[in-house]
Amino acid sequence: MKLLFDENLSSRLAGRLSDLFPESTQVSLIELEGYPDRTIWERAKAENYTIVSKDNDFRQLAFLFGMPPKVIWLQIGNAGTDTVESLIRRESRRIQFFQNDTEEALLILKL
């Protein structure tokens, strides 16, 4: 599964989680930093990414347009990169089930 980390999450997450999600990247690493959410949405859709964000905007796009792409919304406040990595590792099986679900467009992960 390919995760696309929003610019509000560290670009280091893609490398740190490559053992679980090897094709993942972050918005700035594919030169989309500062672009509108719809541009990121369309890129994720075209390249089969699941968007990971703590921003409510992608959650709203998931409700408005459905999938693809799928969205993982992190309700984590100002948690740091280590905490985000731990949460994603802890929930990796749930994330994989979500990716394979043909009906769900949004997964909410909380600390």
Protein backbone atom coordinates (compact mmCIF):
# COMPACT_ATOMS: atom_id res chain seq x y z
CA MET A 1 0.00 0.00 0.00
CA LYS A 2 1.18 3.47 -0.86
CA LEU A 3 0.68 6.21 1.70
CA LEU A 4 0.92 9.88 0.81
CA PHE A 5 1.69 11.91 3.91
CA ASP A 6 0.27 15.42 3.84
CA GLU A 7 2.62 18.37 4.28
CA ASN A 8 1.48 18.74 7.90
CA LEU A 9 3.32 15.46 8.64
CA SER A 10 7.06 14.91 8.56
CA SER A 11 8.69 13.81 5.31
CA ARG A 12 10.75 11.41 7.46
CA LEU A 13 7.69 9.20 7.98
CA ALA A 14 7.92 7.73 4.49
CA GLY A 15 11.41 6.39 5.17
CA ARG A 16 10.73 5.38 8.74
CA LEU A 17 7.68 3.33 7.72
CA SER A 18 9.16 1.87 4.53
CA ASP A 19 9.30 -1.62 6.05
CA LEU A 20 5.48 -1.62 6.25
CA PHE A 21 4.55 0.76 3.43
CA PRO A 22 7.53 0.74 1.02
CA GLU A 23 6.08 2.89 -1.76
CA SER A 24 5.02 5.73 0.51
CA THR A 25 6.06 9.35 0.18
CA GLN A 26 5.23 12.81 1.44
CA VAL A 27 3.75 15.79 -0.40
CA SER A 28 6.99 17.81 -0.40
CA LEU A 29 8.98 14.84 -1.71
CA ILE A 30 6.86 14.77 -4.88
CA GLU A 31 6.98 18.55 -5.24
CA LEU A 32 3.39 19.26 -4.19
CA GLU A 33 4.12 21.31 -1.06
CA GLY A 34 1.88 24.37 -0.98
CA TYR A 35 -0.44 23.07 -3.68
CA PRO A 36 -4.23 23.12 -3.16
CA ASP A 37 -5.78 20.06 -1.53
CA ARG A 38 -7.67 19.22 -4.74
CA THR A 39 -4.37 18.99 -6.65
CA ILE A 40 -2.98 16.62 -4.04
CA TRP A 41 -6.25 14.67 -4.12
CA GLU A 42 -6.07 14.23 -7.89
CA ARG A 43 -2.43 13.15 -7.76
CA ALA A 44 -3.20 10.61 -5.04
CA LYS A 45 -6.11 9.32 -7.10
CA ALA A 46 -4.02 9.02 -10.27
CA GLU A 47 -1.12 7.27 -8.53
CA ASN A 48 -3.15 5.04 -6.18
CA TYR A 49 -2.03 6.63 -2.90
CA THR A 50 -3.94 6.67 0.36
CA ILE A 51 -3.72 10.17 1.82
CA VAL A 52 -2.64 10.43 5.46
CA SER A 53 -3.37 13.77 7.10
CA LYS A 54 -4.30 15.40 10.37
CA ASP A 55 -6.06 18.13 8.39
CA ASN A 56 -9.85 18.07 8.26
CA ASP A 57 -9.90 19.15 4.59
CA PHE A 58 -9.11 15.70 3.22
CA ARG A 59 -11.75 14.15 5.47
CA GLN A 60 -14.27 16.52 3.90
CA LEU A 61 -13.11 15.63 0.38
CA ALA A 62 -13.56 11.94 1.21
CA PHE A 63 -17.17 12.63 2.19
CA LEU A 64 -17.77 14.81 -0.84
CA PHE A 65 -16.17 12.67 -3.55
CA GLY A 66 -15.79 9.21 -2.05
CA MET A 67 -12.89 7.09 -3.16
CA PRO A 68 -10.39 6.89 -4.71
CA PRO A 69 -8.27 8.03 -3.08
CA LYS A 70 -8.84 6.76 0.42
CA VAL A 71 -8.06 9.00 3.39
CA ILE A 72 -6.59 8.21 6.78
CA TRP A 73 -7.42 11.07 9.13
CA LEU A 74 -5.19 11.31 12.18
CA GLN A 75 -6.84 12.85 15.23
CA ILE A 76 -3.61 13.42 17.08
CA GLY A 77 -3.39 17.13 17.91
CA ASN A 78 0.20 18.34 17.81
CA ALA A 79 1.76 14.90 18.33
CA GLY A 80 5.30 14.56 17.04
CA THR A 81 6.76 12.32 14.38
CA ASP A 82 7.66 9.51 16.80
CA THR A 83 4.06 9.36 18.04
CA VAL A 84 2.67 9.37 14.51
CA GLU A 85 5.02 6.57 13.51
CA SER A 86 4.03 4.52 16.58
CA LEU A 87 0.33 5.02 15.86
CA ILE A 88 0.68 3.92 12.24
CA ARG A 89 2.75 0.90 13.23
CA ARG A 90 0.23 -0.05 15.92
CA GLU A 91 -2.65 0.28 13.45
CA SER A 92 -0.89 -1.21 10.40
CA ARG A 93 -3.17 -4.25 10.17
CA ARG A 94 -6.23 -2.04 10.42
CA ILE A 95 -4.78 0.20 7.71
CA GLN A 96 -4.23 -2.81 5.44
CA PHE A 97 -7.82 -4.03 5.99
CA PHE A 98 -9.05 -0.51 5.26
CA GLN A 99 -7.08 -0.38 2.02
CA ASN A 100 -8.72 -3.61 0.86
CA ASP A 101 -12.23 -2.52 1.85
CA THR A 102 -14.22 -1.68 -1.28
CA GLU A 103 -16.76 0.52 0.52
CA GLU A 104 -14.92 2.65 3.09
CA ALA A 105 -13.27 5.89 1.98
CA LEU A 106 -12.19 7.22 5.41
CA LEU A 107 -10.31 5.70 8.33
CA ILE A 108 -9.96 7.72 11.52
CA LEU A 109 -7.03 6.93 13.79
CA LYS A 110 -6.80 8.35 17.31
CA LEU A 111 -4.11 8.20 19.95
